[in-house]
Amino acid sequence: MTLDVLSATYSKRCKVMRIVGSLIFLLSAAGYAQAAPMQAEASRGAAEGAVGASAITAIKVSNVPEEYKIARKMKLRVLSQSLVTQDRSYDVLNCLDKSGKPRELWFDISSFYPGSLGAQ
């Protein structure tokens, strides 16, 4: 095979992988949207009114690394990250505090997430 053929084959494989990755992301987000009522129920168990405990008190951030920095400063161990789309887009970090108690940390990502009305 010539270099041009190899390059074209590689390019096609990269495109396919990007499409597959996008589909996986969309399917996982759609599945999570069905679980949103359970998330709301779990949020009620968190300290009411605590910053980041629910969509209402979500912490506004400008990028994803900022979310993890905040979680570290709060001494939380992040277990997973989920996308929740309601009236705005949110990232929800499922964490454990120092005592091992589960906690959700909500972040308003509408300023930068492409699917949000607030994204520029």
PDB file of N, CA and C in Angstrom:
ATOM      1  N   MET A   1       0.837  -1.187   0.000  1.00  0.00           N
ATOM      2  CA  MET A   1       0.000   0.000   0.000  1.00  0.00           C
ATOM      3  C   MET A   1       0.875   1.240   0.000  1.00  0.00           C
ATOM      4  N   THR A   2       0.376   2.257  -0.646  1.00  0.00           N
ATOM      5  CA  THR A   2       1.121   3.505  -0.676  1.00  0.00           C
ATOM      6  C   THR A   2       0.793   4.326   0.556  1.00  0.00           C
ATOM      7  N   LEU A   3       1.577   5.323   0.765  1.00  0.00           N
ATOM      8  CA  LEU A   3       1.378   6.211   1.914  1.00  0.00           C
ATOM      9  C   LEU A   3       0.030   6.922   1.836  1.00  0.00           C
ATOM     10  N   ASP A   4      -0.405   7.298   0.637  1.00  0.00           N
ATOM     11  CA  ASP A   4      -1.698   7.978   0.467  1.00  0.00           C
ATOM     12  C   ASP A   4      -2.849   7.071   0.879  1.00  0.00           C
ATOM     13  N   VAL A   5      -2.789   5.807   0.499  1.00  0.00           N
ATOM     14  CA  VAL A   5      -3.850   4.859   0.842  1.00  0.00           C
ATOM     15  C   VAL A   5      -3.882   4.641   2.351  1.00  0.00           C
ATOM     16  N   LEU A   6      -2.717   4.481   2.961  1.00  0.00           N
ATOM     17  CA  LEU A   6      -2.654   4.307   4.411  1.00  0.00           C
ATOM     18  C   LEU A   6      -3.191   5.528   5.145  1.00  0.00           C
ATOM     19  N   SER A   7      -2.843   6.686   4.663  1.00  0.00           N
ATOM     20  CA  SER A   7      -3.306   7.924   5.275  1.00  0.00           C
ATOM     21  C   SER A   7      -4.826   8.047   5.174  1.00  0.00           C
ATOM     22  N   ALA A   8      -5.394   7.722   4.017  1.00  0.00           N
ATOM     23  CA  ALA A   8      -6.852   7.792   3.827  1.00  0.00           C
ATOM     24  C   ALA A   8      -7.562   6.790   4.727  1.00  0.00           C
ATOM     25  N   THR A   9      -7.003   5.582   4.851  1.00  0.00           N
ATOM     26  CA  THR A   9      -7.594   4.549   5.709  1.00  0.00           C
ATOM     27  C   THR A   9      -7.573   5.006   7.165  1.00  0.00           C
ATOM     28  N   TYR A  10      -6.477   5.547   7.601  1.00  0.00           N
ATOM     29  CA  TYR A  10      -6.357   6.050   8.975  1.00  0.00           C
ATOM     30  C   TYR A  10      -7.368   7.165   9.229  1.00  0.00           C
ATOM     31  N   SER A  11      -7.499   8.069   8.274  1.00  0.00           N
ATOM     32  CA  SER A  11      -8.434   9.183   8.405  1.00  0.00           C
ATOM     33  C   SER A  11      -9.873   8.677   8.545  1.00  0.00           C
ATOM     34  N   LYS A  12     -10.232   7.674   7.745  1.00  0.00           N
ATOM     35  CA  LYS A  12     -11.582   7.113   7.817  1.00  0.00           C
ATOM     36  C   LYS A  12     -11.819   6.449   9.165  1.00  0.00           C
ATOM     37  N   ARG A  13     -10.811   5.741   9.668  1.00  0.00           N
ATOM     38  CA  ARG A  13     -10.956   5.086  10.970  1.00  0.00           C
ATOM     39  C   ARG A  13     -11.127   6.112  12.079  1.00  0.00           C
ATOM     40  N   CYS A  14     -10.417   7.208  11.996  1.00  0.00           N
ATOM     41  CA  CYS A  14     -10.549   8.270  13.006  1.00  0.00           C
ATOM     42  C   CYS A  14     -11.959   8.848  12.990  1.00  0.00           C
ATOM     43  N   LYS A  15     -12.498   9.070  11.802  1.00  0.00           N
ATOM     44  CA  LYS A  15     -13.861   9.604  11.693  1.00  0.00           C
ATOM     45  C   LYS A  15     -14.867   8.633  12.294  1.00  0.00           C
ATOM     46  N   VAL A  16     -14.700   7.359  12.003  1.00  0.00           N
ATOM     47  CA  VAL A  16     -15.603   6.343  12.546  1.00  0.00           C
ATOM     48  C   VAL A  16     -15.518   6.325  14.064  1.00  0.00           C
ATOM     49  N   MET A  17     -14.326   6.404  14.614  1.00  0.00           N
ATOM     50  CA  MET A  17     -14.162   6.396  16.072  1.00  0.00           C
ATOM     51  C   MET A  17     -14.799   7.622  16.720  1.00  0.00           C
ATOM     52  N   ARG A  18     -14.695   8.770  16.066  1.00  0.00           N
ATOM     53  CA  ARG A  18     -15.340   9.980  16.597  1.00  0.00           C
ATOM     54  C   ARG A  18     -16.852   9.813  16.594  1.00  0.00           C
ATOM     55  N   ILE A  19     -17.392   9.227  15.530  1.00  0.00           N
ATOM     56  CA  ILE A  19     -18.841   9.013  15.441  1.00  0.00           C
ATOM     57  C   ILE A  19     -19.288   8.028  16.514  1.00  0.00           C
ATOM     58  N   VAL A  20     -18.555   6.941  16.686  1.00  0.00           N
ATOM     59  CA  VAL A  20     -18.894   5.951  17.701  1.00  0.00           C
ATOM     60  C   VAL A  20     -18.837   6.588  19.090  1.00  0.00           C
ATOM     61  N   GLY A  21     -17.814   7.364  19.351  1.00  0.00           N
ATOM     62  CA  GLY A  21     -17.697   8.045  20.646  1.00  0.00           C
ATOM     63  C   GLY A  21     -18.863   8.984  20.896  1.00  0.00           C
ATOM     64  N   SER A  22     -19.266   9.724  19.874  1.00  0.00           N
ATOM     65  CA  SER A  22     -20.401  10.640  20.007  1.00  0.00           C
ATOM     66  C   SER A  22     -21.687   9.878  20.286  1.00  0.00           C
ATOM     67  N   LEU A  23     -21.886   8.755  19.596  1.00  0.00           N
ATOM     68  CA  LEU A  23     -23.085   7.946  19.822  1.00  0.00           C
ATOM     69  C   LEU A  23     -23.120   7.385  21.233  1.00  0.00           C
ATOM     70  N   ILE A  24     -21.986   6.920  21.719  1.00  0.00           N
ATOM     71  CA  ILE A  24     -21.935   6.400  23.089  1.00  0.00           C
ATOM     72  C   ILE A  24     -22.287   7.501  24.078  1.00  0.00           C
ATOM     73  N   PHE A  25     -21.744   8.697  23.871  1.00  0.00           N
ATOM     74  CA  PHE A  25     -22.038   9.820  24.755  1.00  0.00           C
ATOM     75  C   PHE A  25     -23.534  10.145  24.731  1.00  0.00           C
ATOM     76  N   LEU A  26     -24.115  10.228  23.534  1.00  0.00           N
ATOM     77  CA  LEU A  26     -25.530  10.568  23.422  1.00  0.00           C
ATOM     78  C   LEU A  26     -26.418   9.502  24.049  1.00  0.00           C
ATOM     79  N   LEU A  27     -26.090   8.241  23.843  1.00  0.00           N
ATOM     80  CA  LEU A  27     -26.885   7.167  24.428  1.00  0.00           C
ATOM     81  C   LEU A  27     -26.785   7.160  25.946  1.00  0.00           C
ATOM     82  N   SER A  28     -25.600   7.420  26.476  1.00  0.00           N
ATOM     83  CA  SER A  28     -25.462   7.447  27.929  1.00  0.00           C
ATOM     84  C   SER A  28     -26.194   8.655  28.516  1.00  0.00           C
ATOM     85  N   ALA A  29     -26.156   9.772  27.822  1.00  0.00           N
ATOM     86  CA  ALA A  29     -26.880  10.965  28.295  1.00  0.00           C
ATOM     87  C   ALA A  29     -28.378  10.725  28.263  1.00  0.00           C
ATOM     88  N   ALA A  30     -28.870  10.059  27.212  1.00  0.00           N
ATOM     89  CA  ALA A  30     -30.299   9.765  27.117  1.00  0.00           C
ATOM     90  C   ALA A  30     -30.727   8.814  28.228  1.00  0.00           C
ATOM     91  N   GLY A  31     -29.904   7.816  28.514  1.00  0.00           N
ATOM     92  CA  GLY A  31     -30.209   6.882  29.591  1.00  0.00           C
ATOM     93  C   GLY A  31     -30.211   7.574  30.936  1.00  0.00           C
ATOM     94  N   TYR A  32     -29.303   8.510  31.102  1.00  0.00           N
ATOM     95  CA  TYR A  32     -29.252   9.220  32.371  1.00  0.00           C
ATOM     96  C   TYR A  32     -30.456  10.129  32.539  1.00  0.00           C
ATOM     97  N   ALA A  33     -30.946  10.704  31.452  1.00  0.00           N
ATOM     98  CA  ALA A  33     -32.109  11.582  31.534  1.00  0.00           C
ATOM     99  C   ALA A  33     -33.306  10.835  32.099  1.00  0.00           C
ATOM    100  N   GLN A  34     -33.406   9.542  31.814  1.00  0.00           N
ATOM    101  CA  GLN A  34     -34.493   8.743  32.369  1.00  0.00           C
ATOM    102  C   GLN A  34     -34.325   8.572  33.869  1.00  0.00           C
ATOM    103  N   ALA A  35     -33.098   8.649  34.356  1.00  0.00           N
ATOM    104  CA  ALA A  35     -32.828   8.483  35.784  1.00  0.00           C
ATOM    105  C   ALA A  35     -32.920   9.800  36.546  1.00  0.00           C
ATOM    106  N   ALA A  36     -33.191  10.903  35.848  1.00  0.00           N
ATOM    107  CA  ALA A  36     -33.225  12.222  36.488  1.00  0.00           C
ATOM    108  C   ALA A  36     -34.195  12.294  37.663  1.00  0.00           C
ATOM    109  N   PRO A  37     -35.402  11.688  37.574  1.00  0.00           N
ATOM    110  CA  PRO A  37     -36.274  11.739  38.751  1.00  0.00           C
ATOM    111  C   PRO A  37     -35.636  11.106  39.981  1.00  0.00           C
ATOM    112  N   MET A  38     -34.860  10.030  39.798  1.00  0.00           N
ATOM    113  CA  MET A  38     -34.169   9.414  40.934  1.00  0.00           C
ATOM    114  C   MET A  38     -33.108  10.361  41.478  1.00  0.00           C
ATOM    115  N   GLN A  39     -32.442  11.101  40.583  1.00  0.00           N
ATOM    116  CA  GLN A  39     -31.437  12.072  41.012  1.00  0.00           C
ATOM    117  C   GLN A  39     -32.097  13.141  41.880  1.00  0.00           C
ATOM    118  N   ALA A  40     -33.268  13.619  41.452  1.00  0.00           N
ATOM    119  CA  ALA A  40     -33.963  14.654  42.213  1.00  0.00           C
ATOM    120  C   ALA A  40     -34.313  14.129  43.596  1.00  0.00           C
ATOM    121  N   GLU A  41     -34.750  12.875  43.668  1.00  0.00           N
ATOM    122  CA  GLU A  41     -35.087  12.258  44.939  1.00  0.00           C
ATOM    123  C   GLU A  41     -33.848  12.185  45.849  1.00  0.00           C
ATOM    124  N   ALA A  42     -32.733  11.792  45.270  1.00  0.00           N
ATOM    125  CA  ALA A  42     -31.496  11.681  46.050  1.00  0.00           C
ATOM    126  C   ALA A  42     -31.034  13.048  46.532  1.00  0.00           C
ATOM    127  N   SER A  43     -31.259  14.079  45.725  1.00  0.00           N
ATOM    128  CA  SER A  43     -30.832  15.428  46.096  1.00  0.00           C
ATOM    129  C   SER A  43     -31.563  15.920  47.333  1.00  0.00           C
ATOM    130  N   ARG A  44     -32.813  15.476  47.494  1.00  0.00           N
ATOM    131  CA  ARG A  44     -33.571  15.913  48.659  1.00  0.00           C
ATOM    132  C   ARG A  44     -32.927  15.426  49.945  1.00  0.00           C
ATOM    133  N   GLY A  45     -32.213  14.295  49.842  1.00  0.00           N
ATOM    134  CA  GLY A  45     -31.551  13.759  51.028  1.00  0.00           C
ATOM    135  C   GLY A  45     -30.321  14.548  51.416  1.00  0.00           C
ATOM    136  N   ALA A  46     -29.761  15.290  50.477  1.00  0.00           N
ATOM    137  CA  ALA A  46     -28.569  16.090  50.778  1.00  0.00           C
ATOM    138  C   ALA A  46     -28.968  17.272  51.651  1.00  0.00           C
ATOM    139  N   ALA A  47     -27.992  17.899  52.227  1.00  0.00           N
ATOM    140  CA  ALA A  47     -28.267  19.060  53.070  1.00  0.00           C
ATOM    141  C   ALA A  47     -29.050  20.081  52.276  1.00  0.00           C
ATOM    142  N   GLU A  48     -30.265  20.361  52.712  1.00  0.00           N
ATOM    143  CA  GLU A  48     -31.115  21.270  51.962  1.00  0.00           C
ATOM    144  C   GLU A  48     -30.512  22.665  51.935  1.00  0.00           C
ATOM    145  N   GLY A  49     -30.443  23.237  50.746  1.00  0.00           N
ATOM    146  CA  GLY A  49     -29.901  24.574  50.591  1.00  0.00           C
ATOM    147  C   GLY A  49     -28.389  24.624  50.495  1.00  0.00           C
ATOM    148  N   ALA A  50     -27.720  23.480  50.679  1.00  0.00           N
ATOM    149  CA  ALA A  50     -26.264  23.450  50.587  1.00  0.00           C
ATOM    150  C   ALA A  50     -25.834  23.742  49.154  1.00  0.00           C
ATOM    151  N   VAL A  51     -24.791  24.517  49.006  1.00  0.00           N
ATOM    152  CA  VAL A  51     -24.296  24.888  47.685  1.00  0.00           C
ATOM    153  C   VAL A  51     -23.894  23.631  46.930  1.00  0.00           C
ATOM    154  N   GLY A  52     -24.449  23.476  45.718  1.00  0.00           N
ATOM    155  CA  GLY A  52     -24.128  22.353  44.863  1.00  0.00           C
ATOM    156  C   GLY A  52     -24.884  21.077  45.178  1.00  0.00           C
ATOM    157  N   ALA A  53     -25.842  21.110  46.107  1.00  0.00           N
ATOM    158  CA  ALA A  53     -26.571  19.908  46.496  1.00  0.00           C
ATOM    159  C   ALA A  53     -27.705  19.559  45.535  1.00  0.00           C
ATOM    160  N   SER A  54     -28.093  20.497  44.665  1.00  0.00           N
ATOM    161  CA  SER A  54     -29.196  20.255  43.742  1.00  0.00           C
ATOM    162  C   SER A  54     -29.060  21.186  42.543  1.00  0.00           C
ATOM    163  N   ALA A  55     -29.959  21.022  41.581  1.00  0.00           N
ATOM    164  CA  ALA A  55     -29.957  21.897  40.407  1.00  0.00           C
ATOM    165  C   ALA A  55     -30.191  23.352  40.820  1.00  0.00           C
ATOM    166  N   ILE A  56     -30.995  23.544  41.832  1.00  0.00           N
ATOM    167  CA  ILE A  56     -31.320  24.906  42.285  1.00  0.00           C
ATOM    168  C   ILE A  56     -30.090  25.603  42.857  1.00  0.00           C
ATOM    169  N   THR A  57     -29.232  24.861  43.536  1.00  0.00           N
ATOM    170  CA  THR A  57     -28.054  25.459  44.170  1.00  0.00           C
ATOM    171  C   THR A  57     -26.764  25.104  43.435  1.00  0.00           C
ATOM    172  N   ALA A  58     -26.888  24.705  42.160  1.00  0.00           N
ATOM    173  CA  ALA A  58     -25.723  24.277  41.369  1.00  0.00           C
ATOM    174  C   ALA A  58     -24.657  25.369  41.321  1.00  0.00           C
ATOM    175  N   ILE A  59     -23.419  24.937  41.325  1.00  0.00           N
ATOM    176  CA  ILE A  59     -22.273  25.845  41.268  1.00  0.00           C
ATOM    177  C   ILE A  59     -21.977  26.154  39.805  1.00  0.00           C
ATOM    178  N   LYS A  60     -21.920  27.431  39.454  1.00  0.00           N
ATOM    179  CA  LYS A  60     -21.613  27.817  38.075  1.00  0.00           C
ATOM    180  C   LYS A  60     -20.112  27.706  37.839  1.00  0.00           C
ATOM    181  N   VAL A  61     -19.750  26.996  36.771  1.00  0.00           N
ATOM    182  CA  VAL A  61     -18.345  26.813  36.420  1.00  0.00           C
ATOM    183  C   VAL A  61     -18.145  27.155  34.951  1.00  0.00           C
ATOM    184  N   SER A  62     -16.888  27.367  34.572  1.00  0.00           N
ATOM    185  CA  SER A  62     -16.592  27.718  33.183  1.00  0.00           C
ATOM    186  C   SER A  62     -15.921  26.585  32.418  1.00  0.00           C
ATOM    187  N   ASN A  63     -15.572  25.486  33.118  1.00  0.00           N
ATOM    188  CA  ASN A  63     -14.992  24.315  32.446  1.00  0.00           C
ATOM    189  C   ASN A  63     -15.050  23.117  33.382  1.00  0.00           C
ATOM    190  N   VAL A  64     -14.850  21.932  32.825  1.00  0.00           N
ATOM    191  CA  VAL A  64     -14.947  20.691  33.606  1.00  0.00           C
ATOM    192  C   VAL A  64     -13.819  20.557  34.634  1.00  0.00           C
ATOM    193  N   PRO A  65     -12.563  20.875  34.305  1.00  0.00           N
ATOM    194  CA  PRO A  65     -11.513  20.753  35.331  1.00  0.00           C
ATOM    195  C   PRO A  65     -11.815  21.566  36.600  1.00  0.00           C
ATOM    196  N   GLU A  66     -12.527  22.660  36.435  1.00  0.00           N
ATOM    197  CA  GLU A  66     -12.896  23.483  37.593  1.00  0.00           C
ATOM    198  C   GLU A  66     -13.800  22.690  38.547  1.00  0.00           C
ATOM    199  N   GLU A  67     -14.670  21.840  38.000  1.00  0.00           N
ATOM    200  CA  GLU A  67     -15.547  21.008  38.828  1.00  0.00           C
ATOM    201  C   GLU A  67     -14.727  20.098  39.736  1.00  0.00           C
ATOM    202  N   TYR A  68     -13.733  19.441  39.140  1.00  0.00           N
ATOM    203  CA  TYR A  68     -12.901  18.515  39.909  1.00  0.00           C
ATOM    204  C   TYR A  68     -12.037  19.238  40.934  1.00  0.00           C
ATOM    205  N   LYS A  69     -11.608  20.443  40.600  1.00  0.00           N
ATOM    206  CA  LYS A  69     -10.826  21.245  41.546  1.00  0.00           C
ATOM    207  C   LYS A  69     -11.677  21.585  42.769  1.00  0.00           C
ATOM    208  N   ILE A  70     -12.926  21.957  42.532  1.00  0.00           N
ATOM    209  CA  ILE A  70     -13.842  22.281  43.635  1.00  0.00           C
ATOM    210  C   ILE A  70     -14.093  21.048  44.493  1.00  0.00           C
ATOM    211  N   ALA A  71     -14.316  19.899  43.843  1.00  0.00           N
ATOM    212  CA  ALA A  71     -14.553  18.656  44.588  1.00  0.00           C
ATOM    213  C   ALA A  71     -13.344  18.321  45.472  1.00  0.00           C
ATOM    214  N   ARG A  72     -12.130  18.502  44.924  1.00  0.00           N
ATOM    215  CA  ARG A  72     -10.919  18.239  45.717  1.00  0.00           C
ATOM    216  C   ARG A  72     -10.838  19.170  46.911  1.00  0.00           C
ATOM    217  N   LYS A  73     -11.148  20.456  46.688  1.00  0.00           N
ATOM    218  CA  LYS A  73     -11.090  21.421  47.791  1.00  0.00           C
ATOM    219  C   LYS A  73     -12.103  21.094  48.878  1.00  0.00           C
ATOM    220  N   MET A  74     -13.234  20.463  48.462  1.00  0.00           N
ATOM    221  CA  MET A  74     -14.269  20.069  49.424  1.00  0.00           C
ATOM    222  C   MET A  74     -13.949  18.704  50.039  1.00  0.00           C
ATOM    223  N   LYS A  75     -12.773  18.160  49.675  1.00  0.00           N
ATOM    224  CA  LYS A  75     -12.312  16.868  50.176  1.00  0.00           C
ATOM    225  C   LYS A  75     -13.301  15.747  49.856  1.00  0.00           C
ATOM    226  N   LEU A  76     -13.806  15.773  48.617  1.00  0.00           N
ATOM    227  CA  LEU A  76     -14.717  14.737  48.138  1.00  0.00           C
ATOM    228  C   LEU A  76     -13.990  13.846  47.151  1.00  0.00           C
ATOM    229  N   ARG A  77     -14.297  12.560  47.177  1.00  0.00           N
ATOM    230  CA  ARG A  77     -13.728  11.619  46.216  1.00  0.00           C
ATOM    231  C   ARG A  77     -14.766  11.381  45.132  1.00  0.00           C
ATOM    232  N   VAL A  78     -14.439  11.737  43.901  1.00  0.00           N
ATOM    233  CA  VAL A  78     -15.373  11.617  42.788  1.00  0.00           C
ATOM    234  C   VAL A  78     -15.436  10.168  42.327  1.00  0.00           C
ATOM    235  N   LEU A  79     -16.672   9.637  42.236  1.00  0.00           N
ATOM    236  CA  LEU A  79     -16.894   8.280  41.760  1.00  0.00           C
ATOM    237  C   LEU A  79     -17.328   8.262  40.296  1.00  0.00           C
ATOM    238  N   SER A  80     -18.180   9.232  39.924  1.00  0.00           N
ATOM    239  CA  SER A  80     -18.667   9.283  38.549  1.00  0.00           C
ATOM    240  C   SER A  80     -19.155  10.687  38.228  1.00  0.00           C
ATOM    241  N   GLN A  81     -19.334  10.920  36.937  1.00  0.00           N
ATOM    242  CA  GLN A  81     -19.810  12.213  36.445  1.00  0.00           C
ATOM    243  C   GLN A  81     -20.956  11.933  35.479  1.00  0.00           C
ATOM    244  N   SER A  82     -22.031  12.710  35.606  1.00  0.00           N
ATOM    245  CA  SER A  82     -23.193  12.516  34.751  1.00  0.00           C
ATOM    246  C   SER A  82     -23.676  13.855  34.205  1.00  0.00           C
ATOM    247  N   LEU A  83     -24.270  13.797  33.033  1.00  0.00           N
ATOM    248  CA  LEU A  83     -24.871  14.976  32.425  1.00  0.00           C
ATOM    249  C   LEU A  83     -26.365  14.932  32.676  1.00  0.00           C
ATOM    250  N   VAL A  84     -26.919  16.026  33.194  1.00  0.00           N
ATOM    251  CA  VAL A  84     -28.358  16.145  33.412  1.00  0.00           C
ATOM    252  C   VAL A  84     -28.831  17.375  32.647  1.00  0.00           C
ATOM    253  N   THR A  85     -29.838  17.178  31.814  1.00  0.00           N
ATOM    254  CA  THR A  85     -30.392  18.301  31.058  1.00  0.00           C
ATOM    255  C   THR A  85     -31.818  18.515  31.525  1.00  0.00           C
ATOM    256  N   GLN A  86     -32.053  19.671  32.131  1.00  0.00           N
ATOM    257  CA  GLN A  86     -33.394  20.057  32.559  1.00  0.00           C
ATOM    258  C   GLN A  86     -33.680  21.380  31.850  1.00  0.00           C
ATOM    259  N   ASP A  87     -33.929  22.429  32.595  1.00  0.00           N
ATOM    260  CA  ASP A  87     -34.064  23.751  31.984  1.00  0.00           C
ATOM    261  C   ASP A  87     -32.697  24.274  31.547  1.00  0.00           C
ATOM    262  N   ARG A  88     -31.649  23.753  32.135  1.00  0.00           N
ATOM    263  CA  ARG A  88     -30.258  24.082  31.816  1.00  0.00           C
ATOM    264  C   ARG A  88     -29.477  22.775  31.779  1.00  0.00           C
ATOM    265  N   SER A  89     -28.209  22.849  31.472  1.00  0.00           N
ATOM    266  CA  SER A  89     -27.360  21.653  31.482  1.00  0.00           C
ATOM    267  C   SER A  89     -26.522  21.649  32.753  1.00  0.00           C
ATOM    268  N   TYR A  90     -26.440  20.476  33.359  1.00  0.00           N
ATOM    269  CA  TYR A  90     -25.711  20.311  34.607  1.00  0.00           C
ATOM    270  C   TYR A  90     -24.790  19.096  34.519  1.00  0.00           C
ATOM    271  N   ASP A  91     -23.642  19.191  35.179  1.00  0.00           N
ATOM    272  CA  ASP A  91     -22.814  18.034  35.451  1.00  0.00           C
ATOM    273  C   ASP A  91     -23.074  17.691  36.911  1.00  0.00           C
ATOM    274  N   VAL A  92     -23.265  16.418  37.179  1.00  0.00           N
ATOM    275  CA  VAL A  92     -23.452  15.967  38.551  1.00  0.00           C
ATOM    276  C   VAL A  92     -22.312  15.007  38.872  1.00  0.00           C
ATOM    277  N   LEU A  93     -21.522  15.374  39.865  1.00  0.00           N
ATOM    278  CA  LEU A  93     -20.452  14.496  40.324  1.00  0.00           C
ATOM    279  C   LEU A  93     -20.988  13.690  41.501  1.00  0.00           C
ATOM    280  N   ASN A  94     -20.958  12.378  41.371  1.00  0.00           N
ATOM    281  CA  ASN A  94     -21.332  11.497  42.472  1.00  0.00           C
ATOM    282  C   ASN A  94     -20.060  11.232  43.256  1.00  0.00           C
ATOM    283  N   CYS A  95     -20.083  11.610  44.529  1.00  0.00           N
ATOM    284  CA  CYS A  95     -18.864  11.607  45.345  1.00  0.00           C
ATOM    285  C   CYS A  95     -19.087  10.888  46.664  1.00  0.00           C
ATOM    286  N   LEU A  96     -17.978  10.688  47.357  1.00  0.00           N
ATOM    287  CA  LEU A  96     -18.004  10.226  48.742  1.00  0.00           C
ATOM    288  C   LEU A  96     -17.264  11.261  49.573  1.00  0.00           C
ATOM    289  N   ASP A  97     -17.836  11.603  50.744  1.00  0.00           N
ATOM    290  CA  ASP A  97     -17.117  12.514  51.622  1.00  0.00           C
ATOM    291  C   ASP A  97     -16.122  11.709  52.466  1.00  0.00           C
ATOM    292  N   LYS A  98     -15.420  12.375  53.366  1.00  0.00           N
ATOM    293  CA  LYS A  98     -14.375  11.717  54.166  1.00  0.00           C
ATOM    294  C   LYS A  98     -14.911  10.536  54.974  1.00  0.00           C
ATOM    295  N   SER A  99     -16.160  10.637  55.421  1.00  0.00           N
ATOM    296  CA  SER A  99     -16.739   9.561  56.235  1.00  0.00           C
ATOM    297  C   SER A  99     -17.307   8.427  55.381  1.00  0.00           C
ATOM    298  N   GLY A 100     -17.261   8.579  54.054  1.00  0.00           N
ATOM    299  CA  GLY A 100     -17.775   7.552  53.155  1.00  0.00           C
ATOM    300  C   GLY A 100     -19.232   7.729  52.773  1.00  0.00           C
ATOM    301  N   LYS A 101     -19.804   8.851  53.201  1.00  0.00           N
ATOM    302  CA  LYS A 101     -21.212   9.126  52.893  1.00  0.00           C
ATOM    303  C   LYS A 101     -21.335   9.635  51.451  1.00  0.00           C
ATOM    304  N   PRO A 102     -22.286   9.074  50.667  1.00  0.00           N
ATOM    305  CA  PRO A 102     -22.456   9.534  49.286  1.00  0.00           C
ATOM    306  C   PRO A 102     -22.989  10.968  49.228  1.00  0.00           C
ATOM    307  N   ARG A 103     -22.534  11.680  48.234  1.00  0.00           N
ATOM    308  CA  ARG A 103     -22.965  13.072  48.056  1.00  0.00           C
ATOM    309  C   ARG A 103     -22.949  13.420  46.585  1.00  0.00           C
ATOM    310  N   GLU A 104     -23.951  14.156  46.142  1.00  0.00           N
ATOM    311  CA  GLU A 104     -23.985  14.671  44.780  1.00  0.00           C
ATOM    312  C   GLU A 104     -23.530  16.116  44.797  1.00  0.00           C
ATOM    313  N   LEU A 105     -22.738  16.472  43.815  1.00  0.00           N
ATOM    314  CA  LEU A 105     -22.274  17.839  43.666  1.00  0.00           C
ATOM    315  C   LEU A 105     -22.692  18.306  42.279  1.00  0.00           C
ATOM    316  N   TRP A 106     -23.612  19.274  42.221  1.00  0.00           N
ATOM    317  CA  TRP A 106     -24.193  19.760  40.970  1.00  0.00           C
ATOM    318  C   TRP A 106     -23.452  20.996  40.480  1.00  0.00           C
ATOM    319  N   PHE A 107     -23.176  21.017  39.161  1.00  0.00           N
ATOM    320  CA  PHE A 107     -22.514  22.158  38.527  1.00  0.00           C
ATOM    321  C   PHE A 107     -23.337  22.616  37.330  1.00  0.00           C
ATOM    322  N   ASP A 108     -23.551  23.919  37.243  1.00  0.00           N
ATOM    323  CA  ASP A 108     -24.238  24.520  36.099  1.00  0.00           C
ATOM    324  C   ASP A 108     -23.204  24.723  35.000  1.00  0.00           C
ATOM    325  N   ILE A 109     -23.340  23.980  33.897  1.00  0.00           N
ATOM    326  CA  ILE A 109     -22.373  24.046  32.798  1.00  0.00           C
ATOM    327  C   ILE A 109     -22.967  24.736  31.568  1.00  0.00           C
ATOM    328  N   SER A 110     -24.078  25.414  31.752  1.00  0.00           N
ATOM    329  CA  SER A 110     -24.774  26.011  30.609  1.00  0.00           C
ATOM    330  C   SER A 110     -23.975  27.119  29.928  1.00  0.00           C
ATOM    331  N   SER A 111     -22.970  27.661  30.588  1.00  0.00           N
ATOM    332  CA  SER A 111     -22.181  28.729  29.967  1.00  0.00           C
ATOM    333  C   SER A 111     -21.230  28.193  28.895  1.00  0.00           C
ATOM    334  N   PHE A 112     -20.906  26.888  28.937  1.00  0.00           N
ATOM    335  CA  PHE A 112     -19.953  26.360  27.956  1.00  0.00           C
ATOM    336  C   PHE A 112     -20.382  25.067  27.277  1.00  0.00           C
ATOM    337  N   TYR A 113     -21.393  24.393  27.797  1.00  0.00           N
ATOM    338  CA  TYR A 113     -21.805  23.122  27.181  1.00  0.00           C
ATOM    339  C   TYR A 113     -22.563  23.396  25.879  1.00  0.00           C
ATOM    340  N   PRO A 114     -22.156  22.759  24.779  1.00  0.00           N
ATOM    341  CA  PRO A 114     -22.747  23.070  23.470  1.00  0.00           C
ATOM    342  C   PRO A 114     -24.253  22.882  23.369  1.00  0.00           C
ATOM    343  N   GLY A 115     -24.835  21.989  24.163  1.00  0.00           N
ATOM    344  CA  GLY A 115     -26.267  21.754  24.079  1.00  0.00           C
ATOM    345  C   GLY A 115     -27.103  22.730  24.894  1.00  0.00           C
ATOM    346  N   SER A 116     -26.455  23.699  25.539  1.00  0.00           N
ATOM    347  CA  SER A 116     -27.159  24.627  26.422  1.00  0.00           C
ATOM    348  C   SER A 116     -27.524  25.916  25.698  1.00  0.00           C
ATOM    349  N   LEU A 117     -28.597  26.512  26.161  1.00  0.00           N
ATOM    350  CA  LEU A 117     -29.013  27.784  25.592  1.00  0.00           C
ATOM    351  C   LEU A 117     -28.016  28.899  25.914  1.00  0.00           C
ATOM    352  N   GLY A 118     -27.365  28.777  27.078  1.00  0.00           N
ATOM    353  CA  GLY A 118     -26.430  29.825  27.497  1.00  0.00           C
ATOM    354  C   GLY A 118     -25.049  29.734  26.858  1.00  0.00           C
ATOM    355  N   ALA A 119     -24.761  28.622  26.177  1.00  0.00           N
ATOM    356  CA  ALA A 119     -23.440  28.451  25.569  1.00  0.00           C
ATOM    357  C   ALA A 119     -23.262  29.408  24.403  1.00  0.00           C
ATOM    358  N   GLN A 120     -22.063  29.909  24.249  1.00  0.00           N
ATOM    359  CA  GLN A 120     -21.808  30.896  23.212  1.00  0.00           C
ATOM    360  C   GLN A 120     -21.180  30.265  22.004  1.00  0.00           C
TER     361      GLN A 120
END
